[in-house]
């Protein structure tokens, strides 16, 4: 078999394998991980983000404690509600999407908005004394 023909066959085979690999592993909006968020009391899951797709819960740990971080996924134009339970005071902000919302120590607040922009947006607590704590990330997928 001539070298040129053999090279062409190898290129076609490698290309077909790459296409099949991408097809098998491609991301889809329907493939959302079921992320269970613990309730503020730690009694069990408060919200299953895969089931609701629109309502989530975040618990802000006491100052100095380890903060769990989650990724929430919704689809463009969804109404989104995030319930925030906090063991410290400050303001909660979903950068690029919402204004700051005040939360008191051992209090709770709700952030509600329509997901009009796609992308990944960080949810932060701007606490007393200038602390800045990453709480979660919101991923808004195209419709």
Protein backbone atom coordinates (compact mmCIF):
# COMPACT_ATOMS: atom_id res chain seq x y z
CA UNK A 1 0.00 0.00 0.00
CA UNK A 2 1.46 3.41 -0.90
CA UNK A 3 2.57 5.66 1.96
CA UNK A 4 0.18 8.47 1.01
CA UNK A 5 -2.87 6.16 1.05
CA UNK A 6 -1.81 4.62 4.41
CA UNK A 7 -1.36 8.10 5.94
CA UNK A 8 -4.78 9.16 4.72
CA UNK A 9 -6.36 6.04 6.28
CA UNK A 10 -4.66 6.77 9.65
CA UNK A 11 -5.83 10.39 9.60
CA UNK A 12 -9.40 9.24 8.84
CA UNK A 13 -9.28 6.63 11.63
CA UNK A 14 -7.93 9.09 14.23
CA UNK A 15 -10.50 11.70 13.16
CA UNK A 16 -13.34 9.17 13.50
CA UNK A 17 -12.11 8.14 16.97
CA UNK A 18 -11.93 11.77 18.10
CA UNK A 19 -15.46 12.45 16.86
CA UNK A 20 -16.81 9.32 18.58
CA UNK A 21 -15.01 10.25 21.81
CA UNK A 22 -16.48 13.73 21.80
CA UNK A 23 -19.94 12.38 21.00
CA UNK A 24 -19.78 9.97 23.95
CA UNK A 25 -18.47 12.55 26.44
CA UNK A 26 -20.16 15.73 25.22
CA UNK A 27 -21.83 17.92 27.86
CA UNK A 28 -25.58 18.34 27.66
CA UNK A 29 -27.86 20.72 29.57
CA UNK A 30 -29.95 17.72 30.68
CA UNK A 31 -26.94 16.09 32.37
CA UNK A 32 -27.14 17.95 35.65
CA UNK A 33 -25.62 16.58 38.80
CA UNK A 34 -28.04 16.02 41.64
CA UNK A 35 -26.52 18.18 44.34
CA UNK A 36 -28.14 17.80 47.74
CA UNK A 37 -27.60 20.80 50.00
CA UNK A 38 -27.67 20.18 53.75
CA UNK A 39 -30.38 21.92 55.71
CA UNK A 40 -29.25 24.55 58.24
CA UNK A 41 -29.81 22.06 61.06
CA UNK A 42 -27.77 19.37 59.30
CA UNK A 43 -30.78 17.03 59.44
CA UNK A 44 -30.57 16.11 55.77
CA UNK A 45 -31.05 17.51 52.30
CA UNK A 46 -33.11 20.69 52.21
CA UNK A 47 -33.15 21.11 48.43
CA UNK A 48 -32.28 18.81 45.54
CA UNK A 49 -31.14 21.15 42.78
CA UNK A 50 -31.67 18.57 40.04
CA UNK A 51 -35.32 18.14 41.04
CA UNK A 52 -36.28 21.81 41.39
CA UNK A 53 -33.68 23.43 39.14
CA UNK A 54 -34.70 26.80 40.53
CA UNK A 55 -34.57 26.84 44.35
CA UNK A 56 -31.38 26.34 46.37
CA UNK A 57 -30.17 26.66 49.96
CA UNK A 58 -26.81 27.89 51.24
CA UNK A 59 -25.57 27.71 54.81
CA UNK A 60 -22.85 30.19 55.79
CA UNK A 61 -20.57 28.75 58.46
CA UNK A 62 -19.39 30.60 61.55
CA UNK A 63 -16.29 32.78 61.18
CA UNK A 64 -13.16 30.62 60.94
CA UNK A 65 -15.10 27.43 60.08
CA UNK A 66 -14.65 25.58 56.80
CA UNK A 67 -17.21 26.72 54.21
CA UNK A 68 -18.74 24.15 51.87
CA UNK A 69 -19.07 25.35 48.28
CA UNK A 70 -21.61 24.17 45.75
CA UNK A 71 -22.37 24.70 42.08
CA UNK A 72 -25.99 25.41 41.19
CA UNK A 73 -27.17 24.95 37.60
CA UNK A 74 -30.22 26.54 36.01
CA UNK A 75 -31.36 27.37 32.51
CA UNK A 76 -31.58 30.83 30.98
CA UNK A 77 -34.83 32.66 31.88
CA UNK A 78 -35.50 30.45 34.94
CA UNK A 79 -36.73 32.14 38.11
CA UNK A 80 -34.07 31.44 40.74
CA UNK A 81 -34.44 31.57 44.52
CA UNK A 82 -31.49 31.10 46.87
CA UNK A 83 -32.27 30.76 50.59
CA UNK A 84 -29.29 31.85 52.69
CA UNK A 85 -28.89 30.79 56.33
CA UNK A 86 -25.97 32.51 58.05
CA UNK A 87 -23.95 32.12 61.23
CA UNK A 88 -22.32 35.51 60.59
CA UNK A 89 -23.51 38.92 59.47
CA UNK A 90 -22.65 40.73 56.26
CA UNK A 91 -24.02 41.07 52.76
CA UNK A 92 -24.61 38.33 50.22
CA UNK A 93 -24.01 39.10 46.56
CA UNK A 94 -24.34 37.12 43.35
CA UNK A 95 -21.75 39.03 41.33
CA UNK A 96 -22.98 40.30 38.00
CA UNK A 97 -26.62 39.41 38.66
CA UNK A 98 -27.97 40.87 41.91
CA UNK A 99 -27.46 43.70 44.36
CA UNK A 100 -26.12 43.01 47.84
CA UNK A 101 -28.60 41.55 50.31
CA UNK A 102 -28.00 42.00 54.05
CA UNK A 103 -27.94 38.97 56.33
CA UNK A 104 -27.62 39.00 60.13
CA UNK A 105 -25.79 36.56 62.39
CA UNK A 106 -27.96 33.45 62.87
CA UNK A 107 -30.41 34.94 60.38
CA UNK A 108 -31.65 34.12 56.96
CA UNK A 109 -32.43 35.95 53.76
CA UNK A 110 -33.60 35.15 50.25
CA UNK A 111 -32.07 36.17 46.92
CA UNK A 112 -34.56 35.99 44.05
CA UNK A 113 -34.09 36.92 40.39
CA UNK A 114 -34.62 35.82 36.79
CA UNK A 115 -31.60 34.18 35.11
CA UNK A 116 -31.39 36.43 32.05
CA UNK A 117 -27.65 36.08 31.34
CA UNK A 118 -25.76 32.85 30.68
CA UNK A 119 -22.43 32.13 32.33
CA UNK A 120 -20.92 31.29 35.72
CA UNK A 121 -21.51 33.73 38.58
CA UNK A 122 -19.93 33.56 42.07
CA UNK A 123 -22.05 33.89 45.22
CA UNK A 124 -20.08 35.66 48.00
CA UNK A 125 -20.49 36.82 51.55
CA UNK A 126 -18.90 40.19 52.25
CA UNK A 127 -18.63 39.86 56.02
CA UNK A 128 -17.76 42.13 58.88
CA UNK A 129 -14.16 43.26 59.04
CA UNK A 130 -13.73 43.02 55.28
CA UNK A 131 -13.93 39.22 54.99
CA UNK A 132 -14.81 37.81 51.58
CA UNK A 133 -16.12 34.23 51.54
CA UNK A 134 -16.92 32.19 48.42
CA UNK A 135 -20.23 30.40 49.03
CA UNK A 136 -21.22 28.86 45.71
CA UNK A 137 -21.28 29.35 41.97
CA UNK A 138 -24.36 29.67 39.81
CA UNK A 139 -24.13 28.31 36.27
CA UNK A 140 -26.79 29.57 33.88
CA UNK A 141 -26.95 27.38 30.80
CA UNK A 142 -28.39 28.57 27.46
CA UNK A 143 -31.96 27.56 26.74
